[in-house]
mmCIF file of all heavy atoms, coordinates in Angstrom:
data_MODEL
# 
_entry.id   MODEL 
# 
loop_
_atom_site.group_PDB 
_atom_site.id 
_atom_site.type_symbol 
_atom_site.label_atom_id 
_atom_site.label_alt_id 
_atom_site.label_comp_id 
_atom_site.label_asym_id 
_atom_site.label_entity_id 
_atom_site.label_seq_id 
_atom_site.pdbx_PDB_ins_code 
_atom_site.Cartn_x 
_atom_site.Cartn_y 
_atom_site.Cartn_z 
_atom_site.occupancy 
_atom_site.B_iso_or_equiv 
_atom_site.pdbx_formal_charge 
_atom_site.auth_seq_id 
_atom_site.auth_comp_id 
_atom_site.auth_asym_id 
_atom_site.auth_atom_id 
_atom_site.pdbx_PDB_model_num 
ATOM 1   N N   . PHE A 1 1  ? 104.574 173.702 139.629 1.00 0.00 ? 1  PHE A N   1 
ATOM 2   C CA  . PHE A 1 1  ? 105.762 173.570 140.517 1.00 0.00 ? 1  PHE A CA  1 
ATOM 3   C C   . PHE A 1 1  ? 107.040 173.296 139.750 1.00 0.00 ? 1  PHE A C   1 
ATOM 4   O O   . PHE A 1 1  ? 108.064 172.937 140.380 1.00 0.00 ? 1  PHE A O   1 
ATOM 5   C CB  . PHE A 1 1  ? 105.454 172.346 141.492 1.00 0.00 ? 1  PHE A CB  1 
ATOM 6   C CG  . PHE A 1 1  ? 104.292 172.598 142.384 1.00 0.00 ? 1  PHE A CG  1 
ATOM 7   C CD1 . PHE A 1 1  ? 103.088 171.956 142.224 1.00 0.00 ? 1  PHE A CD1 1 
ATOM 8   C CD2 . PHE A 1 1  ? 104.474 173.510 143.488 1.00 0.00 ? 1  PHE A CD2 1 
ATOM 9   C CE1 . PHE A 1 1  ? 102.033 172.233 143.055 1.00 0.00 ? 1  PHE A CE1 1 
ATOM 10  C CE2 . PHE A 1 1  ? 103.427 173.713 144.328 1.00 0.00 ? 1  PHE A CE2 1 
ATOM 11  C CZ  . PHE A 1 1  ? 102.212 173.103 144.151 1.00 0.00 ? 1  PHE A CZ  1 
ATOM 12  N N   . LEU A 1 2  ? 107.114 173.581 138.458 1.00 0.00 ? 2  LEU A N   1 
ATOM 13  C CA  . LEU A 1 2  ? 108.283 173.387 137.721 1.00 0.00 ? 2  LEU A CA  1 
ATOM 14  C C   . LEU A 1 2  ? 109.395 174.320 138.335 1.00 0.00 ? 2  LEU A C   1 
ATOM 15  O O   . LEU A 1 2  ? 109.285 175.533 138.597 1.00 0.00 ? 2  LEU A O   1 
ATOM 16  C CB  . LEU A 1 2  ? 108.143 173.833 136.282 1.00 0.00 ? 2  LEU A CB  1 
ATOM 17  C CG  . LEU A 1 2  ? 107.502 172.881 135.323 1.00 0.00 ? 2  LEU A CG  1 
ATOM 18  C CD1 . LEU A 1 2  ? 107.295 173.478 133.908 1.00 0.00 ? 2  LEU A CD1 1 
ATOM 19  C CD2 . LEU A 1 2  ? 108.143 171.517 135.278 1.00 0.00 ? 2  LEU A CD2 1 
ATOM 20  N N   . GLY A 1 3  ? 110.621 173.741 138.650 1.00 0.00 ? 3  GLY A N   1 
ATOM 21  C CA  . GLY A 1 3  ? 111.800 174.452 139.108 1.00 0.00 ? 3  GLY A CA  1 
ATOM 22  C C   . GLY A 1 3  ? 112.545 175.003 137.929 1.00 0.00 ? 3  GLY A C   1 
ATOM 23  O O   . GLY A 1 3  ? 112.255 174.630 136.733 1.00 0.00 ? 3  GLY A O   1 
ATOM 24  N N   . HIS A 1 4  ? 113.658 175.748 138.163 1.00 0.00 ? 4  HIS A N   1 
ATOM 25  C CA  . HIS A 1 4  ? 114.389 176.304 137.176 1.00 0.00 ? 4  HIS A CA  1 
ATOM 26  C C   . HIS A 1 4  ? 115.100 175.249 136.305 1.00 0.00 ? 4  HIS A C   1 
ATOM 27  O O   . HIS A 1 4  ? 115.043 175.245 135.075 1.00 0.00 ? 4  HIS A O   1 
ATOM 28  C CB  . HIS A 1 4  ? 115.515 177.113 137.799 1.00 0.00 ? 4  HIS A CB  1 
ATOM 29  C CG  . HIS A 1 4  ? 116.576 177.662 136.783 1.00 0.00 ? 4  HIS A CG  1 
ATOM 30  N ND1 . HIS A 1 4  ? 116.327 178.713 135.954 1.00 0.00 ? 4  HIS A ND1 1 
ATOM 31  C CD2 . HIS A 1 4  ? 117.806 177.242 136.517 1.00 0.00 ? 4  HIS A CD2 1 
ATOM 32  C CE1 . HIS A 1 4  ? 117.308 178.856 135.206 1.00 0.00 ? 4  HIS A CE1 1 
ATOM 33  N NE2 . HIS A 1 4  ? 118.255 178.014 135.495 1.00 0.00 ? 4  HIS A NE2 1 
ATOM 34  N N   . ASP A 1 5  ? 115.610 174.187 136.954 1.00 0.00 ? 5  ASP A N   1 
ATOM 35  C CA  . ASP A 1 5  ? 116.268 173.095 136.193 1.00 0.00 ? 5  ASP A CA  1 
ATOM 36  C C   . ASP A 1 5  ? 115.234 172.335 135.325 1.00 0.00 ? 5  ASP A C   1 
ATOM 37  O O   . ASP A 1 5  ? 115.509 171.923 134.230 1.00 0.00 ? 5  ASP A O   1 
ATOM 38  C CB  . ASP A 1 5  ? 116.978 172.092 137.100 1.00 0.00 ? 5  ASP A CB  1 
ATOM 39  C CG  . ASP A 1 5  ? 118.266 172.745 137.671 1.00 0.00 ? 5  ASP A CG  1 
ATOM 40  O OD1 . ASP A 1 5  ? 118.631 173.817 137.236 1.00 0.00 ? 5  ASP A OD1 1 
ATOM 41  O OD2 . ASP A 1 5  ? 118.699 172.108 138.670 1.00 0.00 ? 5  ASP A OD2 1 
ATOM 42  N N   . ASP A 1 6  ? 113.948 172.116 135.825 1.00 0.00 ? 6  ASP A N   1 
ATOM 43  C CA  . ASP A 1 6  ? 112.902 171.543 135.133 1.00 0.00 ? 6  ASP A CA  1 
ATOM 44  C C   . ASP A 1 6  ? 112.621 172.369 133.799 1.00 0.00 ? 6  ASP A C   1 
ATOM 45  O O   . ASP A 1 6  ? 112.337 171.814 132.717 1.00 0.00 ? 6  ASP A O   1 
ATOM 46  C CB  . ASP A 1 6  ? 111.712 171.394 135.918 1.00 0.00 ? 6  ASP A CB  1 
ATOM 47  C CG  . ASP A 1 6  ? 111.804 170.420 137.101 1.00 0.00 ? 6  ASP A CG  1 
ATOM 48  O OD1 . ASP A 1 6  ? 112.801 169.545 137.014 1.00 0.00 ? 6  ASP A OD1 1 
ATOM 49  O OD2 . ASP A 1 6  ? 111.043 170.417 138.015 1.00 0.00 ? 6  ASP A OD2 1 
ATOM 50  N N   . LYS A 1 7  ? 112.452 173.640 133.986 1.00 0.00 ? 7  LYS A N   1 
ATOM 51  C CA  . LYS A 1 7  ? 112.189 174.440 132.874 1.00 0.00 ? 7  LYS A CA  1 
ATOM 52  C C   . LYS A 1 7  ? 113.182 174.394 131.782 1.00 0.00 ? 7  LYS A C   1 
ATOM 53  O O   . LYS A 1 7  ? 112.911 174.313 130.483 1.00 0.00 ? 7  LYS A O   1 
ATOM 54  C CB  . LYS A 1 7  ? 111.994 175.895 133.279 1.00 0.00 ? 7  LYS A CB  1 
ATOM 55  C CG  . LYS A 1 7  ? 110.835 176.116 134.184 1.00 0.00 ? 7  LYS A CG  1 
ATOM 56  C CD  . LYS A 1 7  ? 110.865 177.643 134.694 1.00 0.00 ? 7  LYS A CD  1 
ATOM 57  C CE  . LYS A 1 7  ? 109.860 177.816 135.861 1.00 0.00 ? 7  LYS A CE  1 
ATOM 58  N NZ  . LYS A 1 7  ? 109.897 179.332 136.280 1.00 0.00 ? 7  LYS A NZ  1 
ATOM 59  N N   . GLU A 1 8  ? 114.514 174.358 132.189 1.00 0.00 ? 8  GLU A N   1 
ATOM 60  C CA  . GLU A 1 8  ? 115.595 174.256 131.285 1.00 0.00 ? 8  GLU A CA  1 
ATOM 61  C C   . GLU A 1 8  ? 115.567 172.937 130.557 1.00 0.00 ? 8  GLU A C   1 
ATOM 62  O O   . GLU A 1 8  ? 115.894 172.843 129.374 1.00 0.00 ? 8  GLU A O   1 
ATOM 63  C CB  . GLU A 1 8  ? 116.917 174.465 132.093 1.00 0.00 ? 8  GLU A CB  1 
ATOM 64  C CG  . GLU A 1 8  ? 117.179 175.925 132.633 1.00 0.00 ? 8  GLU A CG  1 
ATOM 65  C CD  . GLU A 1 8  ? 117.248 176.944 131.491 1.00 0.00 ? 8  GLU A CD  1 
ATOM 66  O OE1 . GLU A 1 8  ? 118.050 176.594 130.548 1.00 0.00 ? 8  GLU A OE1 1 
ATOM 67  O OE2 . GLU A 1 8  ? 116.616 178.067 131.520 1.00 0.00 ? 8  GLU A OE2 1 
ATOM 68  N N   . LEU A 1 9  ? 115.272 171.849 131.217 1.00 0.00 ? 9  LEU A N   1 
ATOM 69  C CA  . LEU A 1 9  ? 115.189 170.550 130.644 1.00 0.00 ? 9  LEU A CA  1 
ATOM 70  C C   . LEU A 1 9  ? 114.170 170.485 129.640 1.00 0.00 ? 9  LEU A C   1 
ATOM 71  O O   . LEU A 1 9  ? 114.354 169.993 128.428 1.00 0.00 ? 9  LEU A O   1 
ATOM 72  C CB  . LEU A 1 9  ? 114.997 169.473 131.778 1.00 0.00 ? 9  LEU A CB  1 
ATOM 73  C CG  . LEU A 1 9  ? 114.920 168.020 131.193 1.00 0.00 ? 9  LEU A CG  1 
ATOM 74  C CD1 . LEU A 1 9  ? 116.362 167.649 130.682 1.00 0.00 ? 9  LEU A CD1 1 
ATOM 75  C CD2 . LEU A 1 9  ? 114.536 167.096 132.366 1.00 0.00 ? 9  LEU A CD2 1 
ATOM 76  N N   . LEU A 1 10 ? 112.906 171.012 129.925 1.00 0.00 ? 10 LEU A N   1 
ATOM 77  C CA  . LEU A 1 10 ? 111.823 170.950 128.951 1.00 0.00 ? 10 LEU A CA  1 
ATOM 78  C C   . LEU A 1 10 ? 112.101 171.785 127.744 1.00 0.00 ? 10 LEU A C   1 
ATOM 79  O O   . LEU A 1 10 ? 111.826 171.260 126.585 1.00 0.00 ? 10 LEU A O   1 
ATOM 80  C CB  . LEU A 1 10 ? 110.561 171.382 129.626 1.00 0.00 ? 10 LEU A CB  1 
ATOM 81  C CG  . LEU A 1 10 ? 109.875 170.304 130.569 1.00 0.00 ? 10 LEU A CG  1 
ATOM 82  C CD1 . LEU A 1 10 ? 108.776 170.982 131.244 1.00 0.00 ? 10 LEU A CD1 1 
ATOM 83  C CD2 . LEU A 1 10 ? 109.495 169.084 129.888 1.00 0.00 ? 10 LEU A CD2 1 
ATOM 84  N N   . THR A 1 11 ? 112.536 172.948 127.880 1.00 0.00 ? 11 THR A N   1 
ATOM 85  C CA  . THR A 1 11 ? 112.716 173.899 126.722 1.00 0.00 ? 11 THR A CA  1 
ATOM 86  C C   . THR A 1 11 ? 114.047 173.542 125.947 1.00 0.00 ? 11 THR A C   1 
ATOM 87  O O   . THR A 1 11 ? 114.175 173.967 124.846 1.00 0.00 ? 11 THR A O   1 
ATOM 88  C CB  . THR A 1 11 ? 112.626 175.266 127.146 1.00 0.00 ? 11 THR A CB  1 
ATOM 89  O OG1 . THR A 1 11 ? 113.739 175.534 128.101 1.00 0.00 ? 11 THR A OG1 1 
ATOM 90  C CG2 . THR A 1 11 ? 111.320 175.692 127.757 1.00 0.00 ? 11 THR A CG2 1 
ATOM 91  N N   . GLY A 1 12 ? 114.962 172.937 126.678 1.00 0.00 ? 12 GLY A N   1 
ATOM 92  C CA  . GLY A 1 12 ? 116.258 172.530 126.093 1.00 0.00 ? 12 GLY A CA  1 
ATOM 93  C C   . GLY A 1 12 ? 116.274 171.208 125.452 1.00 0.00 ? 12 GLY A C   1 
ATOM 94  O O   . GLY A 1 12 ? 115.883 170.980 124.270 1.00 0.00 ? 12 GLY A O   1 
ATOM 95  N N   . ASP A 1 13 ? 116.608 170.223 126.316 1.00 0.00 ? 13 ASP A N   1 
ATOM 96  C CA  . ASP A 1 13 ? 116.723 168.792 125.788 1.00 0.00 ? 13 ASP A CA  1 
ATOM 97  C C   . ASP A 1 13 ? 115.419 168.225 125.162 1.00 0.00 ? 13 ASP A C   1 
ATOM 98  O O   . ASP A 1 13 ? 115.499 167.519 124.182 1.00 0.00 ? 13 ASP A O   1 
ATOM 99  C CB  . ASP A 1 13 ? 117.102 167.889 126.904 1.00 0.00 ? 13 ASP A CB  1 
ATOM 100 C CG  . ASP A 1 13 ? 118.631 168.097 127.391 1.00 0.00 ? 13 ASP A CG  1 
ATOM 101 O OD1 . ASP A 1 13 ? 119.240 168.935 126.705 1.00 0.00 ? 13 ASP A OD1 1 
ATOM 102 O OD2 . ASP A 1 13 ? 119.007 167.565 128.354 1.00 0.00 ? 13 ASP A OD2 1 
ATOM 103 N N   . TYR A 1 14 ? 114.263 168.674 125.677 1.00 0.00 ? 14 TYR A N   1 
ATOM 104 C CA  . TYR A 1 14 ? 113.065 168.226 125.226 1.00 0.00 ? 14 TYR A CA  1 
ATOM 105 C C   . TYR A 1 14 ? 112.346 169.035 124.209 1.00 0.00 ? 14 TYR A C   1 
ATOM 106 O O   . TYR A 1 14 ? 111.246 168.741 123.731 1.00 0.00 ? 14 TYR A O   1 
ATOM 107 C CB  . TYR A 1 14 ? 112.185 167.790 126.401 1.00 0.00 ? 14 TYR A CB  1 
ATOM 108 C CG  . TYR A 1 14 ? 112.580 166.450 127.084 1.00 0.00 ? 14 TYR A CG  1 
ATOM 109 C CD1 . TYR A 1 14 ? 113.471 166.494 128.071 1.00 0.00 ? 14 TYR A CD1 1 
ATOM 110 C CD2 . TYR A 1 14 ? 111.995 165.328 126.669 1.00 0.00 ? 14 TYR A CD2 1 
ATOM 111 C CE1 . TYR A 1 14 ? 113.924 165.317 128.610 1.00 0.00 ? 14 TYR A CE1 1 
ATOM 112 C CE2 . TYR A 1 14 ? 112.477 164.087 127.241 1.00 0.00 ? 14 TYR A CE2 1 
ATOM 113 C CZ  . TYR A 1 14 ? 113.380 164.084 128.246 1.00 0.00 ? 14 TYR A CZ  1 
ATOM 114 O OH  . TYR A 1 14 ? 113.855 162.936 128.845 1.00 0.00 ? 14 TYR A OH  1 
ATOM 115 N N   . ASN A 1 15 ? 112.961 170.205 123.892 1.00 0.00 ? 15 ASN A N   1 
ATOM 116 C CA  . ASN A 1 15 ? 112.525 171.122 122.757 1.00 0.00 ? 15 ASN A CA  1 
ATOM 117 C C   . ASN A 1 15 ? 111.001 171.460 122.936 1.00 0.00 ? 15 ASN A C   1 
ATOM 118 O O   . ASN A 1 15 ? 110.297 171.473 121.843 1.00 0.00 ? 15 ASN A O   1 
ATOM 119 C CB  . ASN A 1 15 ? 112.841 170.386 121.448 1.00 0.00 ? 15 ASN A CB  1 
ATOM 120 C CG  . ASN A 1 15 ? 112.900 171.399 120.324 1.00 0.00 ? 15 ASN A CG  1 
ATOM 121 O OD1 . ASN A 1 15 ? 113.100 172.532 120.491 1.00 0.00 ? 15 ASN A OD1 1 
ATOM 122 N ND2 . ASN A 1 15 ? 112.489 170.916 119.155 1.00 0.00 ? 15 ASN A ND2 1 
ATOM 123 N N   . LEU A 1 16 ? 110.522 171.702 124.070 1.00 0.00 ? 16 LEU A N   1 
ATOM 124 C CA  . LEU A 1 16 ? 109.139 172.034 124.235 1.00 0.00 ? 16 LEU A CA  1 
ATOM 125 C C   . LEU A 1 16 ? 108.762 173.454 123.605 1.00 0.00 ? 16 LEU A C   1 
ATOM 126 O O   . LEU A 1 16 ? 109.542 174.397 123.967 1.00 0.00 ? 16 LEU A O   1 
ATOM 127 C CB  . LEU A 1 16 ? 108.786 171.989 125.654 1.00 0.00 ? 16 LEU A CB  1 
ATOM 128 C CG  . LEU A 1 16 ? 107.296 172.448 126.016 1.00 0.00 ? 16 LEU A CG  1 
ATOM 129 C CD1 . LEU A 1 16 ? 106.259 171.550 125.385 1.00 0.00 ? 16 LEU A CD1 1 
ATOM 130 C CD2 . LEU A 1 16 ? 107.106 172.492 127.552 1.00 0.00 ? 16 LEU A CD2 1 
ATOM 131 N N   . ARG A 1 17 ? 107.801 173.503 122.744 1.00 0.00 ? 17 ARG A N   1 
ATOM 132 C CA  . ARG A 1 17 ? 107.412 174.799 122.132 1.00 0.00 ? 17 ARG A CA  1 
ATOM 133 C C   . ARG A 1 17 ? 105.927 175.031 122.255 1.00 0.00 ? 17 ARG A C   1 
ATOM 134 O O   . ARG A 1 17 ? 105.587 176.292 122.000 1.00 0.00 ? 17 ARG A O   1 
ATOM 135 C CB  . ARG A 1 17 ? 107.829 174.770 120.624 1.00 0.00 ? 17 ARG A CB  1 
ATOM 136 C CG  . ARG A 1 17 ? 109.445 174.727 120.495 1.00 0.00 ? 17 ARG A CG  1 
ATOM 137 C CD  . ARG A 1 17 ? 110.047 175.986 120.999 1.00 0.00 ? 17 ARG A CD  1 
ATOM 138 N NE  . ARG A 1 17 ? 111.477 176.045 120.874 1.00 0.00 ? 17 ARG A NE  1 
ATOM 139 C CZ  . ARG A 1 17 ? 112.337 175.650 121.763 1.00 0.00 ? 17 ARG A CZ  1 
ATOM 140 N NH1 . ARG A 1 17 ? 111.887 175.095 122.984 1.00 0.00 ? 17 ARG A NH1 1 
ATOM 141 N NH2 . ARG A 1 17 ? 113.697 175.612 121.648 1.00 0.00 ? 17 ARG A NH2 1 
ATOM 142 N N   . ASP A 1 18 ? 105.144 174.106 122.490 1.00 0.00 ? 18 ASP A N   1 
ATOM 143 C CA  . ASP A 1 18 ? 103.691 174.398 122.627 1.00 0.00 ? 18 ASP A CA  1 
ATOM 144 C C   . ASP A 1 18 ? 103.010 173.608 123.783 1.00 0.00 ? 18 ASP A C   1 
ATOM 145 O O   . ASP A 1 18 ? 103.252 172.394 123.996 1.00 0.00 ? 18 ASP A O   1 
ATOM 146 C CB  . ASP A 1 18 ? 102.959 173.900 121.335 1.00 0.00 ? 18 ASP A CB  1 
ATOM 147 C CG  . ASP A 1 18 ? 103.076 174.919 120.200 1.00 0.00 ? 18 ASP A CG  1 
ATOM 148 O OD1 . ASP A 1 18 ? 102.296 175.882 120.204 1.00 0.00 ? 18 ASP A OD1 1 
ATOM 149 O OD2 . ASP A 1 18 ? 103.995 174.776 119.428 1.00 0.00 ? 18 ASP A OD2 1 
ATOM 150 N N   . ILE A 1 19 ? 102.322 174.438 124.631 1.00 0.00 ? 19 ILE A N   1 
ATOM 151 C CA  . ILE A 1 19 ? 101.561 173.758 125.741 1.00 0.00 ? 19 ILE A CA  1 
ATOM 152 C C   . ILE A 1 19 ? 100.140 173.995 125.490 1.00 0.00 ? 19 ILE A C   1 
ATOM 153 O O   . ILE A 1 19 ? 99.638  175.085 125.169 1.00 0.00 ? 19 ILE A O   1 
ATOM 154 C CB  . ILE A 1 19 ? 102.034 174.492 127.123 1.00 0.00 ? 19 ILE A CB  1 
ATOM 155 C CG1 . ILE A 1 19 ? 103.384 174.131 127.466 1.00 0.00 ? 19 ILE A CG1 1 
ATOM 156 C CG2 . ILE A 1 19 ? 100.982 174.100 128.172 1.00 0.00 ? 19 ILE A CG2 1 
ATOM 157 C CD1 . ILE A 1 19 ? 103.926 174.847 128.705 1.00 0.00 ? 19 ILE A CD1 1 
ATOM 158 N N   . ILE A 1 20 ? 99.357  172.932 125.757 1.00 0.00 ? 20 ILE A N   1 
ATOM 159 C CA  . ILE A 1 20 ? 97.921  172.929 125.552 1.00 0.00 ? 20 ILE A CA  1 
ATOM 160 C C   . ILE A 1 20 ? 97.272  172.697 127.049 1.00 0.00 ? 20 ILE A C   1 
ATOM 161 O O   . ILE A 1 20 ? 97.591  171.582 127.536 1.00 0.00 ? 20 ILE A O   1 
ATOM 162 C CB  . ILE A 1 20 ? 97.367  171.941 124.607 1.00 0.00 ? 20 ILE A CB  1 
ATOM 163 C CG1 . ILE A 1 20 ? 97.923  172.207 123.216 1.00 0.00 ? 20 ILE A CG1 1 
ATOM 164 C CG2 . ILE A 1 20 ? 95.812  172.005 124.541 1.00 0.00 ? 20 ILE A CG2 1 
ATOM 165 C CD1 . ILE A 1 20 ? 97.717  171.067 122.224 1.00 0.00 ? 20 ILE A CD1 1 
ATOM 166 N N   . ASP A 1 21 ? 96.561  173.650 127.620 1.00 0.00 ? 21 ASP A N   1 
ATOM 167 C CA  . ASP A 1 21 ? 96.190  173.495 128.976 1.00 0.00 ? 21 ASP A CA  1 
ATOM 168 C C   . ASP A 1 21 ? 94.646  173.162 129.047 1.00 0.00 ? 21 ASP A C   1 
ATOM 169 O O   . ASP A 1 21 ? 93.849  173.976 128.564 1.00 0.00 ? 21 ASP A O   1 
ATOM 170 C CB  . ASP A 1 21 ? 96.442  174.874 129.653 1.00 0.00 ? 21 ASP A CB  1 
ATOM 171 C CG  . ASP A 1 21 ? 96.288  174.879 131.165 1.00 0.00 ? 21 ASP A CG  1 
ATOM 172 O OD1 . ASP A 1 21 ? 95.602  173.942 131.702 1.00 0.00 ? 21 ASP A OD1 1 
ATOM 173 O OD2 . ASP A 1 21 ? 96.767  175.758 131.936 1.00 0.00 ? 21 ASP A OD2 1 
ATOM 174 N N   . PHE A 1 22 ? 94.417  171.960 129.432 1.00 0.00 ? 22 PHE A N   1 
ATOM 175 C CA  . PHE A 1 22 ? 92.991  171.458 129.512 1.00 0.00 ? 22 PHE A CA  1 
ATOM 176 C C   . PHE A 1 22 ? 92.234  172.011 130.681 1.00 0.00 ? 22 PHE A C   1 
ATOM 177 O O   . PHE A 1 22 ? 91.011  171.687 130.839 1.00 0.00 ? 22 PHE A O   1 
ATOM 178 C CB  . PHE A 1 22 ? 92.998  169.915 129.645 1.00 0.00 ? 22 PHE A CB  1 
ATOM 179 C CG  . PHE A 1 22 ? 93.352  169.213 128.411 1.00 0.00 ? 22 PHE A CG  1 
ATOM 180 C CD1 . PHE A 1 22 ? 93.530  167.807 128.352 1.00 0.00 ? 22 PHE A CD1 1 
ATOM 181 C CD2 . PHE A 1 22 ? 93.508  169.918 127.198 1.00 0.00 ? 22 PHE A CD2 1 
ATOM 182 C CE1 . PHE A 1 22 ? 93.761  167.154 127.122 1.00 0.00 ? 22 PHE A CE1 1 
ATOM 183 C CE2 . PHE A 1 22 ? 93.835  169.232 126.003 1.00 0.00 ? 22 PHE A CE2 1 
ATOM 184 C CZ  . PHE A 1 22 ? 93.967  167.892 126.010 1.00 0.00 ? 22 PHE A CZ  1 
ATOM 185 N N   . ARG A 1 23 ? 92.795  172.788 131.657 1.00 0.00 ? 23 ARG A N   1 
ATOM 186 C CA  . ARG A 1 23 ? 92.144  173.128 132.913 1.00 0.00 ? 23 ARG A CA  1 
ATOM 187 C C   . ARG A 1 23 ? 91.148  174.242 132.722 1.00 0.00 ? 23 ARG A C   1 
ATOM 188 O O   . ARG A 1 23 ? 91.128  175.002 131.752 1.00 0.00 ? 23 ARG A O   1 
ATOM 189 C CB  . ARG A 1 23 ? 93.206  173.560 133.964 1.00 0.00 ? 23 ARG A CB  1 
ATOM 190 C CG  . ARG A 1 23 ? 94.231  172.464 134.312 1.00 0.00 ? 23 ARG A CG  1 
ATOM 191 C CD  . ARG A 1 23 ? 95.225  172.999 135.238 1.00 0.00 ? 23 ARG A CD  1 
ATOM 192 N NE  . ARG A 1 23 ? 96.007  174.177 134.641 1.00 0.00 ? 23 ARG A NE  1 
ATOM 193 C CZ  . ARG A 1 23 ? 96.855  174.944 135.352 1.00 0.00 ? 23 ARG A CZ  1 
ATOM 194 N NH1 . ARG A 1 23 ? 96.979  174.767 136.674 1.00 0.00 ? 23 ARG A NH1 1 
ATOM 195 N NH2 . ARG A 1 23 ? 97.406  175.926 134.743 1.00 0.00 ? 23 ARG A NH2 1 
ATOM 196 N N   . THR A 1 24 ? 90.312  174.404 133.779 1.00 0.00 ? 24 THR A N   1 
ATOM 197 C CA  . THR A 1 24 ? 89.374  175.435 133.768 1.00 0.00 ? 24 THR A CA  1 
ATOM 198 C C   . THR A 1 24 ? 90.013  176.721 134.024 1.00 0.00 ? 24 THR A C   1 
ATOM 199 O O   . THR A 1 24 ? 91.102  176.796 134.529 1.00 0.00 ? 24 THR A O   1 
ATOM 200 C CB  . THR A 1 24 ? 88.267  175.252 134.882 1.00 0.00 ? 24 THR A CB  1 
ATOM 201 O OG1 . THR A 1 24 ? 88.892  175.365 136.132 1.00 0.00 ? 24 THR A OG1 1 
ATOM 202 C CG2 . THR A 1 24 ? 87.574  173.916 134.719 1.00 0.00 ? 24 THR A CG2 1 
ATOM 203 N N   . GLU A 1 25 ? 89.312  177.889 133.786 1.00 0.00 ? 25 GLU A N   1 
ATOM 204 C CA  . GLU A 1 25 ? 89.930  179.166 134.002 1.00 0.00 ? 25 GLU A CA  1 
ATOM 205 C C   . GLU A 1 25 ? 90.261  179.367 135.477 1.00 0.00 ? 25 GLU A C   1 
ATOM 206 O O   . GLU A 1 25 ? 91.317  179.923 135.836 1.00 0.00 ? 25 GLU A O   1 
ATOM 207 C CB  . GLU A 1 25 ? 88.918  180.260 133.575 1.00 0.00 ? 25 GLU A CB  1 
ATOM 208 C CG  . GLU A 1 25 ? 89.428  181.698 133.573 1.00 0.00 ? 25 GLU A CG  1 
ATOM 209 C CD  . GLU A 1 25 ? 89.369  182.328 134.938 1.00 0.00 ? 25 GLU A CD  1 
ATOM 210 O OE1 . GLU A 1 25 ? 88.538  181.979 135.833 1.00 0.00 ? 25 GLU A OE1 1 
ATOM 211 O OE2 . GLU A 1 25 ? 90.239  183.247 135.247 1.00 0.00 ? 25 GLU A OE2 1 
ATOM 212 N N   . LYS A 1 26 ? 89.374  178.838 136.347 1.00 0.00 ? 26 LYS A N   1 
ATOM 213 C CA  . LYS A 1 26 ? 89.733  178.964 137.776 1.00 0.00 ? 26 LYS A CA  1 
ATOM 214 C C   . LYS A 1 26 ? 90.971  178.148 138.150 1.00 0.00 ? 26 LYS A C   1 
ATOM 215 O O   . LYS A 1 26 ? 91.704  178.639 138.954 1.00 0.00 ? 26 LYS A O   1 
ATOM 216 C CB  . LYS A 1 26 ? 88.481  178.434 138.609 1.00 0.00 ? 26 LYS A CB  1 
ATOM 217 C CG  . LYS A 1 26 ? 88.560  178.664 140.124 1.00 0.00 ? 26 LYS A CG  1 
ATOM 218 C CD  . LYS A 1 26 ? 87.331  178.239 140.806 1.00 0.00 ? 26 LYS A CD  1 
ATOM 219 C CE  . LYS A 1 26 ? 87.365  178.562 142.266 1.00 0.00 ? 26 LYS A CE  1 
ATOM 220 N NZ  . LYS A 1 26 ? 86.172  178.132 142.979 1.00 0.00 ? 26 LYS A NZ  1 
ATOM 221 N N   . GLU A 1 27 ? 91.159  177.014 137.706 1.00 0.00 ? 27 GLU A N   1 
ATOM 222 C CA  . GLU A 1 27 ? 92.390  176.231 137.885 1.00 0.00 ? 27 GLU A CA  1 
ATOM 223 C C   . GLU A 1 27 ? 93.605  177.050 137.433 1.00 0.00 ? 27 GLU A C   1 
ATOM 224 O O   . GLU A 1 27 ? 94.605  177.056 138.194 1.00 0.00 ? 27 GLU A O   1 
ATOM 225 C CB  . GLU A 1 27 ? 92.210  174.900 137.258 1.00 0.00 ? 27 GLU A CB  1 
ATOM 226 C CG  . GLU A 1 27 ? 91.292  173.910 137.916 1.00 0.00 ? 27 GLU A CG  1 
ATOM 227 C CD  . GLU A 1 27 ? 91.257  172.654 137.127 1.00 0.00 ? 27 GLU A CD  1 
ATOM 228 O OE1 . GLU A 1 27 ? 90.746  172.737 135.917 1.00 0.00 ? 27 GLU A OE1 1 
ATOM 229 O OE2 . GLU A 1 27 ? 91.646  171.564 137.621 1.00 0.00 ? 27 GLU A OE2 1 
ATOM 230 N N   . ARG A 1 28 ? 93.430  177.530 136.268 1.00 0.00 ? 28 ARG A N   1 
ATOM 231 C CA  . ARG A 1 28 ? 94.671  178.273 135.694 1.00 0.00 ? 28 ARG A CA  1 
ATOM 232 C C   . ARG A 1 28 ? 94.963  179.479 136.532 1.00 0.00 ? 28 ARG A C   1 
ATOM 233 O O   . ARG A 1 28 ? 96.133  179.841 136.704 1.00 0.00 ? 28 ARG A O   1 
ATOM 234 C CB  . ARG A 1 28 ? 94.377  178.652 134.305 1.00 0.00 ? 28 ARG A CB  1 
ATOM 235 C CG  . ARG A 1 28 ? 94.188  177.596 133.267 1.00 0.00 ? 28 ARG A CG  1 
ATOM 236 C CD  . ARG A 1 28 ? 94.253  177.943 131.852 1.00 0.00 ? 28 ARG A CD  1 
ATOM 237 N NE  . ARG A 1 28 ? 93.385  179.057 131.453 1.00 0.00 ? 28 ARG A NE  1 
ATOM 238 C CZ  . ARG A 1 28 ? 92.070  178.984 131.105 1.00 0.00 ? 28 ARG A CZ  1 
ATOM 239 N NH1 . ARG A 1 28 ? 91.498  177.723 130.999 1.00 0.00 ? 28 ARG A NH1 1 
ATOM 240 N NH2 . ARG A 1 28 ? 91.415  180.049 130.788 1.00 0.00 ? 28 ARG A NH2 1 
# 
């Protein structure tokens, strides 16, 4: 449910570069 501003905040101010997704294939 990330919105546009949320994405910008994470990749900008919070410098996010790697996501590790613990969910099952069905959840993803």
